Amino acid sequence: MKRILMKGNEAIARSAILGGCEAFFGYPITPQNEIPEYLSRYMP
């Protein structure tokens, strides 16, 4: 398995995508700002 270095919030978002997440809802506040940003960038 390839190792990837990333922040915790990015790991949560990537795990959601790999787990089959098809939609996300959120309010853009810190400290979870990176999660919706990552999901909007990489979700199919």
PDB file of N, CA and C in Angstrom:
ATOM      1  N   MET A   1       0.845  -1.171   0.000  1.00  0.00           N
ATOM      2  CA  MET A   1       0.000   0.000   0.000  1.00  0.00           C
ATOM      3  C   MET A   1       0.894   1.239   0.000  1.00  0.00           C
ATOM      4  N   LYS A   2       0.556   2.175  -0.850  1.00  0.00           N
ATOM      5  CA  LYS A   2       1.308   3.423  -0.953  1.00  0.00           C
ATOM      6  C   LYS A   2       0.970   4.335   0.228  1.00  0.00           C
ATOM      7  N   ARG A   3       1.992   4.923   0.835  1.00  0.00           N
ATOM      8  CA  ARG A   3       1.783   5.853   1.944  1.00  0.00           C
ATOM      9  C   ARG A   3       1.627   7.267   1.405  1.00  0.00           C
ATOM     10  N   ILE A   4       0.661   7.977   1.963  1.00  0.00           N
ATOM     11  CA  ILE A   4       0.395   9.354   1.562  1.00  0.00           C
ATOM     12  C   ILE A   4       0.414  10.218   2.818  1.00  0.00           C
ATOM     13  N   LEU A   5       1.169  11.295   2.788  1.00  0.00           N
ATOM     14  CA  LEU A   5       1.222  12.227   3.906  1.00  0.00           C
ATOM     15  C   LEU A   5       0.179  13.317   3.680  1.00  0.00           C
ATOM     16  N   MET A   6      -0.751  13.469   4.638  1.00  0.00           N
ATOM     17  CA  MET A   6      -1.794  14.483   4.517  1.00  0.00           C
ATOM     18  C   MET A   6      -2.270  14.902   5.897  1.00  0.00           C
ATOM     19  N   LYS A   7      -3.014  15.985   5.944  1.00  0.00           N
ATOM     20  CA  LYS A   7      -3.583  16.481   7.193  1.00  0.00           C
ATOM     21  C   LYS A   7      -4.744  15.585   7.622  1.00  0.00           C
ATOM     22  N   GLY A   8      -5.106  15.662   8.891  1.00  0.00           N
ATOM     23  CA  GLY A   8      -6.192  14.847   9.426  1.00  0.00           C
ATOM     24  C   GLY A   8      -7.524  15.078   8.738  1.00  0.00           C
ATOM     25  N   ASN A   9      -7.880  16.343   8.494  1.00  0.00           N
ATOM     26  CA  ASN A   9      -9.149  16.645   7.827  1.00  0.00           C
ATOM     27  C   ASN A   9      -9.167  16.117   6.399  1.00  0.00           C
ATOM     28  N   GLU A  10      -8.033  16.178   5.719  1.00  0.00           N
ATOM     29  CA  GLU A  10      -7.947  15.624   4.367  1.00  0.00           C
ATOM     30  C   GLU A  10      -8.108  14.107   4.411  1.00  0.00           C
ATOM     31  N   ALA A  11      -7.551  13.465   5.426  1.00  0.00           N
ATOM     32  CA  ALA A  11      -7.692  12.013   5.573  1.00  0.00           C
ATOM     33  C   ALA A  11      -9.151  11.630   5.797  1.00  0.00           C
ATOM     34  N   ILE A  12      -9.868  12.422   6.588  1.00  0.00           N
ATOM     35  CA  ILE A  12     -11.294  12.171   6.815  1.00  0.00           C
ATOM     36  C   ILE A  12     -12.063  12.281   5.503  1.00  0.00           C
ATOM     37  N   ALA A  13     -11.799  13.334   4.739  1.00  0.00           N
ATOM     38  CA  ALA A  13     -12.501  13.545   3.470  1.00  0.00           C
ATOM     39  C   ALA A  13     -12.166  12.445   2.470  1.00  0.00           C
ATOM     40  N   ARG A  14     -10.896  12.078   2.375  1.00  0.00           N
ATOM     41  CA  ARG A  14     -10.489  11.015   1.448  1.00  0.00           C
ATOM     42  C   ARG A  14     -11.138   9.687   1.834  1.00  0.00           C
ATOM     43  N   SER A  15     -11.205   9.405   3.125  1.00  0.00           N
ATOM     44  CA  SER A  15     -11.846   8.179   3.598  1.00  0.00           C
ATOM     45  C   SER A  15     -13.328   8.164   3.246  1.00  0.00           C
ATOM     46  N   ALA A  16     -13.974   9.320   3.349  1.00  0.00           N
ATOM     47  CA  ALA A  16     -15.389   9.407   2.985  1.00  0.00           C
ATOM     48  C   ALA A  16     -15.584   9.083   1.508  1.00  0.00           C
ATOM     49  N   ILE A  17     -14.721   9.618   0.653  1.00  0.00           N
ATOM     50  CA  ILE A  17     -14.812   9.347  -0.785  1.00  0.00           C
ATOM     51  C   ILE A  17     -14.567   7.869  -1.062  1.00  0.00           C
ATOM     52  N   LEU A  18     -13.516   7.311  -0.475  1.00  0.00           N
ATOM     53  CA  LEU A  18     -13.202   5.896  -0.691  1.00  0.00           C
ATOM     54  C   LEU A  18     -14.279   4.989  -0.115  1.00  0.00           C
ATOM     55  N   GLY A  19     -15.014   5.476   0.893  1.00  0.00           N
ATOM     56  CA  GLY A  19     -16.093   4.711   1.500  1.00  0.00           C
ATOM     57  C   GLY A  19     -17.406   4.813   0.745  1.00  0.00           C
ATOM     58  N   GLY A  20     -17.450   5.607  -0.329  1.00  0.00           N
ATOM     59  CA  GLY A  20     -18.651   5.685  -1.158  1.00  0.00           C
ATOM     60  C   GLY A  20     -19.527   6.901  -0.918  1.00  0.00           C
ATOM     61  N   CYS A  21     -19.037   7.893  -0.225  1.00  0.00           N
ATOM     62  CA  CYS A  21     -19.814   9.113   0.016  1.00  0.00           C
ATOM     63  C   CYS A  21     -20.204   9.744  -1.325  1.00  0.00           C
ATOM     64  N   GLU A  22     -21.480  10.082  -1.473  1.00  0.00           N
ATOM     65  CA  GLU A  22     -21.960  10.663  -2.722  1.00  0.00           C
ATOM     66  C   GLU A  22     -22.416  12.109  -2.564  1.00  0.00           C
ATOM     67  N   ALA A  23     -22.547  12.582  -1.326  1.00  0.00           N
ATOM     68  CA  ALA A  23     -22.984  13.957  -1.083  1.00  0.00           C
ATOM     69  C   ALA A  23     -22.428  14.427   0.252  1.00  0.00           C
ATOM     70  N   PHE A  24     -22.286  15.734   0.384  1.00  0.00           N
ATOM     71  CA  PHE A  24     -21.854  16.291   1.662  1.00  0.00           C
ATOM     72  C   PHE A  24     -22.552  17.616   1.888  1.00  0.00           C
ATOM     73  N   PHE A  25     -22.754  17.932   3.135  1.00  0.00           N
ATOM     74  CA  PHE A  25     -23.406  19.172   3.526  1.00  0.00           C
ATOM     75  C   PHE A  25     -22.604  19.763   4.675  1.00  0.00           C
ATOM     76  N   GLY A  26     -22.384  21.040   4.655  1.00  0.00           N
ATOM     77  CA  GLY A  26     -21.618  21.635   5.733  1.00  0.00           C
ATOM     78  C   GLY A  26     -21.696  23.139   5.713  1.00  0.00           C
ATOM     79  N   TYR A  27     -21.269  23.710   6.802  1.00  0.00           N
ATOM     80  CA  TYR A  27     -21.195  25.159   6.940  1.00  0.00           C
ATOM     81  C   TYR A  27     -19.722  25.515   7.032  1.00  0.00           C
ATOM     82  N   PRO A  28     -19.236  26.405   6.184  1.00  0.00           N
ATOM     83  CA  PRO A  28     -17.794  26.679   6.115  1.00  0.00           C
ATOM     84  C   PRO A  28     -17.244  27.442   7.328  1.00  0.00           C
ATOM     85  N   ILE A  29     -16.917  26.686   8.373  1.00  0.00           N
ATOM     86  CA  ILE A  29     -16.287  27.272   9.555  1.00  0.00           C
ATOM     87  C   ILE A  29     -15.046  26.469   9.899  1.00  0.00           C
ATOM     88  N   THR A  30     -14.149  27.061  10.618  1.00  0.00           N
ATOM     89  CA  THR A  30     -12.975  26.314  11.057  1.00  0.00           C
ATOM     90  C   THR A  30     -13.358  25.481  12.270  1.00  0.00           C
ATOM     91  N   PRO A  31     -12.724  24.396  12.585  1.00  0.00           N
ATOM     92  CA  PRO A  31     -11.517  23.857  11.977  1.00  0.00           C
ATOM     93  C   PRO A  31     -11.783  22.845  10.871  1.00  0.00           C
ATOM     94  N   GLN A  32     -13.033  22.625  10.510  1.00  0.00           N
ATOM     95  CA  GLN A  32     -13.319  21.598   9.504  1.00  0.00           C
ATOM     96  C   GLN A  32     -13.414  22.144   8.087  1.00  0.00           C
ATOM     97  N   ASN A  33     -12.980  23.357   7.827  1.00  0.00           N
ATOM     98  CA  ASN A  33     -13.034  23.959   6.489  1.00  0.00           C
ATOM     99  C   ASN A  33     -12.406  23.084   5.418  1.00  0.00           C
ATOM    100  N   GLU A  34     -11.340  22.389   5.752  1.00  0.00           N
ATOM    101  CA  GLU A  34     -10.614  21.606   4.755  1.00  0.00           C
ATOM    102  C   GLU A  34     -11.434  20.427   4.241  1.00  0.00           C
ATOM    103  N   ILE A  35     -12.358  19.920   5.036  1.00  0.00           N
ATOM    104  CA  ILE A  35     -13.142  18.753   4.620  1.00  0.00           C
ATOM    105  C   ILE A  35     -14.034  19.087   3.426  1.00  0.00           C
ATOM    106  N   PRO A  36     -14.931  20.096   3.498  1.00  0.00           N
ATOM    107  CA  PRO A  36     -15.747  20.393   2.312  1.00  0.00           C
ATOM    108  C   PRO A  36     -14.926  20.883   1.125  1.00  0.00           C
ATOM    109  N   GLU A  37     -13.819  21.572   1.383  1.00  0.00           N
ATOM    110  CA  GLU A  37     -12.956  22.010   0.279  1.00  0.00           C
ATOM    111  C   GLU A  37     -12.379  20.800  -0.451  1.00  0.00           C
ATOM    112  N   TYR A  38     -11.889  19.830   0.293  1.00  0.00           N
ATOM    113  CA  TYR A  38     -11.311  18.623  -0.302  1.00  0.00           C
ATOM    114  C   TYR A  38     -12.397  17.843  -1.045  1.00  0.00           C
ATOM    115  N   LEU A  39     -13.562  17.675  -0.414  1.00  0.00           N
ATOM    116  CA  LEU A  39     -14.644  16.925  -1.051  1.00  0.00           C
ATOM    117  C   LEU A  39     -15.107  17.596  -2.340  1.00  0.00           C
ATOM    118  N   SER A  40     -15.235  18.916  -2.337  1.00  0.00           N
ATOM    119  CA  SER A  40     -15.691  19.599  -3.550  1.00  0.00           C
ATOM    120  C   SER A  40     -14.661  19.497  -4.669  1.00  0.00           C
ATOM    121  N   ARG A  41     -13.404  19.363  -4.309  1.00  0.00           N
ATOM    122  CA  ARG A  41     -12.337  19.248  -5.306  1.00  0.00           C
ATOM    123  C   ARG A  41     -12.238  17.837  -5.889  1.00  0.00           C
ATOM    124  N   TYR A  42     -12.447  16.803  -5.063  1.00  0.00           N
ATOM    125  CA  TYR A  42     -12.126  15.446  -5.496  1.00  0.00           C
ATOM    126  C   TYR A  42     -13.313  14.496  -5.631  1.00  0.00           C
ATOM    127  N   MET A  43     -14.510  14.896  -5.242  1.00  0.00           N
ATOM    128  CA  MET A  43     -15.659  13.995  -5.407  1.00  0.00           C
ATOM    129  C   MET A  43     -16.024  13.896  -6.884  1.00  0.00           C
ATOM    130  N   PRO A  44     -16.448  12.709  -7.292  1.00  0.00           N
ATOM    131  CA  PRO A  44     -16.845  12.547  -8.710  1.00  0.00           C
ATOM    132  C   PRO A  44     -18.098  13.321  -9.053  1.00  0.00           C
TER     133      PRO A  44
END
